[in-house]
Amino acid sequence: MIIKIVAAAVLLTGVVDQINDDSATIEYKLGDKVFYTTVSVSNSDCIPREGDRVKFITDDKIYSCEGKK
């Protein structure tokens, strides 16, 4: 239970900007700044599509895909 709470605290939310082969580029905001990170699709817990909102850890993997919003 504690691990799930800690993991939820470090997950970021962003939008899949682009998918190339096995890499997904995710756009996310922290405050007023926009950042980009690239993660492996094959290591992720779901298969995202461009425009999907996702929960992820920077430079690691996607933990959930929520579809387009």
N, C-alpha and C. Protein backbone atom coordinates (compact mmCIF):
# COMPACT_ATOMS: atom_id res chain seq x y z
N MET A 1 0.82 -1.19 0.00
CA MET A 1 0.00 0.00 0.00
C MET A 1 0.86 1.26 0.00
N ILE A 2 1.90 1.29 0.81
CA ILE A 2 2.76 2.46 0.88
C ILE A 2 3.46 2.69 -0.45
N ILE A 3 3.87 1.63 -1.13
CA ILE A 3 4.54 1.76 -2.43
C ILE A 3 3.60 2.39 -3.44
N LYS A 4 2.32 2.02 -3.44
CA LYS A 4 1.36 2.62 -4.37
C LYS A 4 1.19 4.11 -4.10
N ILE A 5 1.17 4.51 -2.85
CA ILE A 5 1.02 5.92 -2.50
C ILE A 5 2.25 6.70 -2.94
N VAL A 6 3.43 6.17 -2.72
CA VAL A 6 4.66 6.85 -3.14
C VAL A 6 4.71 6.94 -4.66
N ALA A 7 4.36 5.88 -5.36
CA ALA A 7 4.37 5.88 -6.82
C ALA A 7 3.40 6.92 -7.36
N ALA A 8 2.23 7.04 -6.76
CA ALA A 8 1.24 8.02 -7.21
C ALA A 8 1.75 9.44 -7.02
N ALA A 9 2.59 9.65 -6.03
CA ALA A 9 3.12 10.99 -5.77
C ALA A 9 4.15 11.42 -6.80
N VAL A 10 4.85 10.49 -7.45
CA VAL A 10 5.88 10.84 -8.42
C VAL A 10 5.41 10.73 -9.86
N LEU A 11 4.23 10.20 -10.11
CA LEU A 11 3.73 10.10 -11.47
C LEU A 11 3.34 11.49 -11.99
N LEU A 12 3.71 11.76 -13.22
CA LEU A 12 3.34 13.00 -13.87
C LEU A 12 2.26 12.72 -14.89
N THR A 13 1.51 13.73 -15.26
CA THR A 13 0.48 13.61 -16.29
C THR A 13 0.89 14.47 -17.48
N GLY A 14 0.78 13.89 -18.65
CA GLY A 14 1.12 14.63 -19.87
C GLY A 14 0.35 14.09 -21.05
N VAL A 15 0.67 14.62 -22.23
CA VAL A 15 0.01 14.22 -23.47
C VAL A 15 1.06 13.68 -24.42
N VAL A 16 0.76 12.55 -25.05
CA VAL A 16 1.68 11.96 -26.01
C VAL A 16 1.72 12.87 -27.24
N ASP A 17 2.88 13.44 -27.50
CA ASP A 17 3.06 14.37 -28.60
C ASP A 17 3.38 13.64 -29.90
N GLN A 18 4.22 12.58 -29.78
CA GLN A 18 4.68 11.89 -30.98
C GLN A 18 5.12 10.47 -30.61
N ILE A 19 4.89 9.53 -31.54
CA ILE A 19 5.37 8.16 -31.37
C ILE A 19 6.23 7.81 -32.57
N ASN A 20 7.45 7.36 -32.30
CA ASN A 20 8.38 6.91 -33.33
C ASN A 20 8.92 5.55 -32.92
N ASP A 21 8.60 4.53 -33.72
CA ASP A 21 9.05 3.16 -33.43
C ASP A 21 8.66 2.79 -32.01
N ASP A 22 9.64 2.63 -31.12
CA ASP A 22 9.39 2.20 -29.74
C ASP A 22 9.44 3.36 -28.75
N SER A 23 9.48 4.59 -29.23
CA SER A 23 9.61 5.75 -28.34
C SER A 23 8.38 6.64 -28.42
N ALA A 24 7.93 7.08 -27.26
CA ALA A 24 6.84 8.05 -27.18
C ALA A 24 7.38 9.33 -26.56
N THR A 25 7.16 10.44 -27.23
CA THR A 25 7.54 11.74 -26.69
C THR A 25 6.31 12.33 -26.01
N ILE A 26 6.48 12.70 -24.74
CA ILE A 26 5.37 13.20 -23.93
C ILE A 26 5.63 14.66 -23.58
N GLU A 27 4.60 15.47 -23.76
CA GLU A 27 4.65 16.89 -23.38
C GLU A 27 3.94 17.03 -22.04
N TYR A 28 4.57 17.74 -21.10
CA TYR A 28 3.94 17.95 -19.81
C TYR A 28 4.33 19.31 -19.26
N LYS A 29 3.53 19.83 -18.34
CA LYS A 29 3.78 21.15 -17.76
C LYS A 29 4.10 21.01 -16.28
N LEU A 30 5.06 21.79 -15.85
CA LEU A 30 5.35 21.96 -14.43
C LEU A 30 5.34 23.46 -14.18
N GLY A 31 4.33 23.92 -13.48
CA GLY A 31 4.17 25.36 -13.33
C GLY A 31 3.82 25.97 -14.67
N ASP A 32 4.55 27.00 -15.07
CA ASP A 32 4.31 27.66 -16.35
C ASP A 32 5.20 27.15 -17.46
N LYS A 33 6.07 26.21 -17.17
CA LYS A 33 7.03 25.72 -18.16
C LYS A 33 6.55 24.41 -18.78
N VAL A 34 6.82 24.25 -20.09
CA VAL A 34 6.48 23.04 -20.81
C VAL A 34 7.76 22.22 -21.00
N PHE A 35 7.66 20.94 -20.72
CA PHE A 35 8.80 20.03 -20.84
C PHE A 35 8.42 18.87 -21.76
N TYR A 36 9.45 18.19 -22.26
CA TYR A 36 9.27 17.00 -23.08
C TYR A 36 10.16 15.89 -22.54
N THR A 37 9.67 14.67 -22.58
CA THR A 37 10.47 13.51 -22.21
C THR A 37 10.14 12.39 -23.18
N THR A 38 11.07 11.49 -23.37
CA THR A 38 10.86 10.35 -24.26
C THR A 38 10.96 9.07 -23.45
N VAL A 39 9.98 8.20 -23.62
CA VAL A 39 9.94 6.94 -22.88
C VAL A 39 9.76 5.78 -23.87
N SER A 40 10.11 4.59 -23.42
CA SER A 40 9.96 3.39 -24.23
C SER A 40 8.50 2.92 -24.19
N VAL A 41 7.94 2.65 -25.35
CA VAL A 41 6.58 2.14 -25.42
C VAL A 41 6.55 0.67 -25.00
N SER A 42 7.57 -0.11 -25.38
CA SER A 42 7.56 -1.54 -25.06
C SER A 42 7.69 -1.81 -23.56
N ASN A 43 8.27 -0.90 -22.81
CA ASN A 43 8.39 -1.06 -21.35
C ASN A 43 7.17 -0.54 -20.61
N SER A 44 6.27 0.12 -21.31
CA SER A 44 5.12 0.76 -20.67
C SER A 44 4.01 -0.23 -20.37
N ASP A 45 3.12 0.19 -19.47
CA ASP A 45 2.01 -0.67 -19.05
C ASP A 45 0.82 -0.63 -20.00
N CYS A 46 0.83 0.28 -20.97
CA CYS A 46 -0.24 0.37 -21.96
C CYS A 46 0.36 0.87 -23.27
N ILE A 47 -0.40 0.79 -24.33
CA ILE A 47 0.07 1.24 -25.64
C ILE A 47 -0.61 2.58 -25.94
N PRO A 48 0.14 3.68 -25.88
CA PRO A 48 -0.46 4.99 -26.10
C PRO A 48 -0.61 5.31 -27.58
N ARG A 49 -1.48 6.27 -27.87
CA ARG A 49 -1.62 6.84 -29.21
C ARG A 49 -1.31 8.32 -29.11
N GLU A 50 -0.92 8.93 -30.21
CA GLU A 50 -0.66 10.37 -30.19
C GLU A 50 -1.92 11.09 -29.73
N GLY A 51 -1.74 12.03 -28.81
CA GLY A 51 -2.86 12.79 -28.27
C GLY A 51 -3.43 12.23 -26.99
N ASP A 52 -3.06 11.00 -26.62
CA ASP A 52 -3.55 10.39 -25.38
C ASP A 52 -2.96 11.10 -24.16
N ARG A 53 -3.77 11.24 -23.14
CA ARG A 53 -3.28 11.71 -21.85
C ARG A 53 -2.75 10.49 -21.11
N VAL A 54 -1.56 10.61 -20.53
CA VAL A 54 -0.90 9.47 -19.88
C VAL A 54 -0.33 9.88 -18.53
N LYS A 55 -0.16 8.89 -17.67
CA LYS A 55 0.57 9.06 -16.41
C LYS A 55 1.88 8.33 -16.58
N PHE A 56 2.99 8.96 -16.18
CA PHE A 56 4.30 8.42 -16.49
C PHE A 56 5.33 8.89 -15.47
N ILE A 57 6.49 8.26 -15.53
CA ILE A 57 7.68 8.73 -14.80
C ILE A 57 8.68 9.14 -15.86
N THR A 58 9.24 10.33 -15.71
CA THR A 58 10.17 10.90 -16.69
C THR A 58 11.28 9.93 -17.05
N ASP A 59 11.54 9.80 -18.34
CA ASP A 59 12.60 8.96 -18.89
C ASP A 59 12.47 7.49 -18.51
N ASP A 60 11.30 7.06 -18.06
CA ASP A 60 11.13 5.66 -17.65
C ASP A 60 10.06 4.98 -18.49
N LYS A 61 8.80 5.06 -18.05
CA LYS A 61 7.73 4.39 -18.79
C LYS A 61 6.39 5.02 -18.47
N ILE A 62 5.39 4.63 -19.26
CA ILE A 62 4.02 5.08 -19.07
C ILE A 62 3.31 4.05 -18.20
N TYR A 63 2.58 4.55 -17.20
CA TYR A 63 1.88 3.66 -16.29
C TYR A 63 0.39 3.55 -16.59
N SER A 64 -0.19 4.58 -17.23
CA SER A 64 -1.59 4.46 -17.63
C SER A 64 -1.89 5.39 -18.80
N CYS A 65 -2.76 4.92 -19.68
CA CYS A 65 -3.21 5.69 -20.84
C CYS A 65 -4.68 6.02 -20.61
N GLU A 66 -5.02 7.29 -20.74
CA GLU A 66 -6.39 7.71 -20.46
C GLU A 66 -7.15 8.14 -21.71
N GLY A 67 -6.56 8.01 -22.86
CA GLY A 67 -7.24 8.42 -24.08
C GLY A 67 -7.19 9.92 -24.25
N LYS A 68 -7.74 10.38 -25.36
CA LYS A 68 -7.72 11.82 -25.67
C LYS A 68 -8.73 12.55 -24.81
N LYS A 69 -8.35 13.74 -24.37
CA LYS A 69 -9.27 14.57 -23.56
C LYS A 69 -9.44 15.90 -24.21
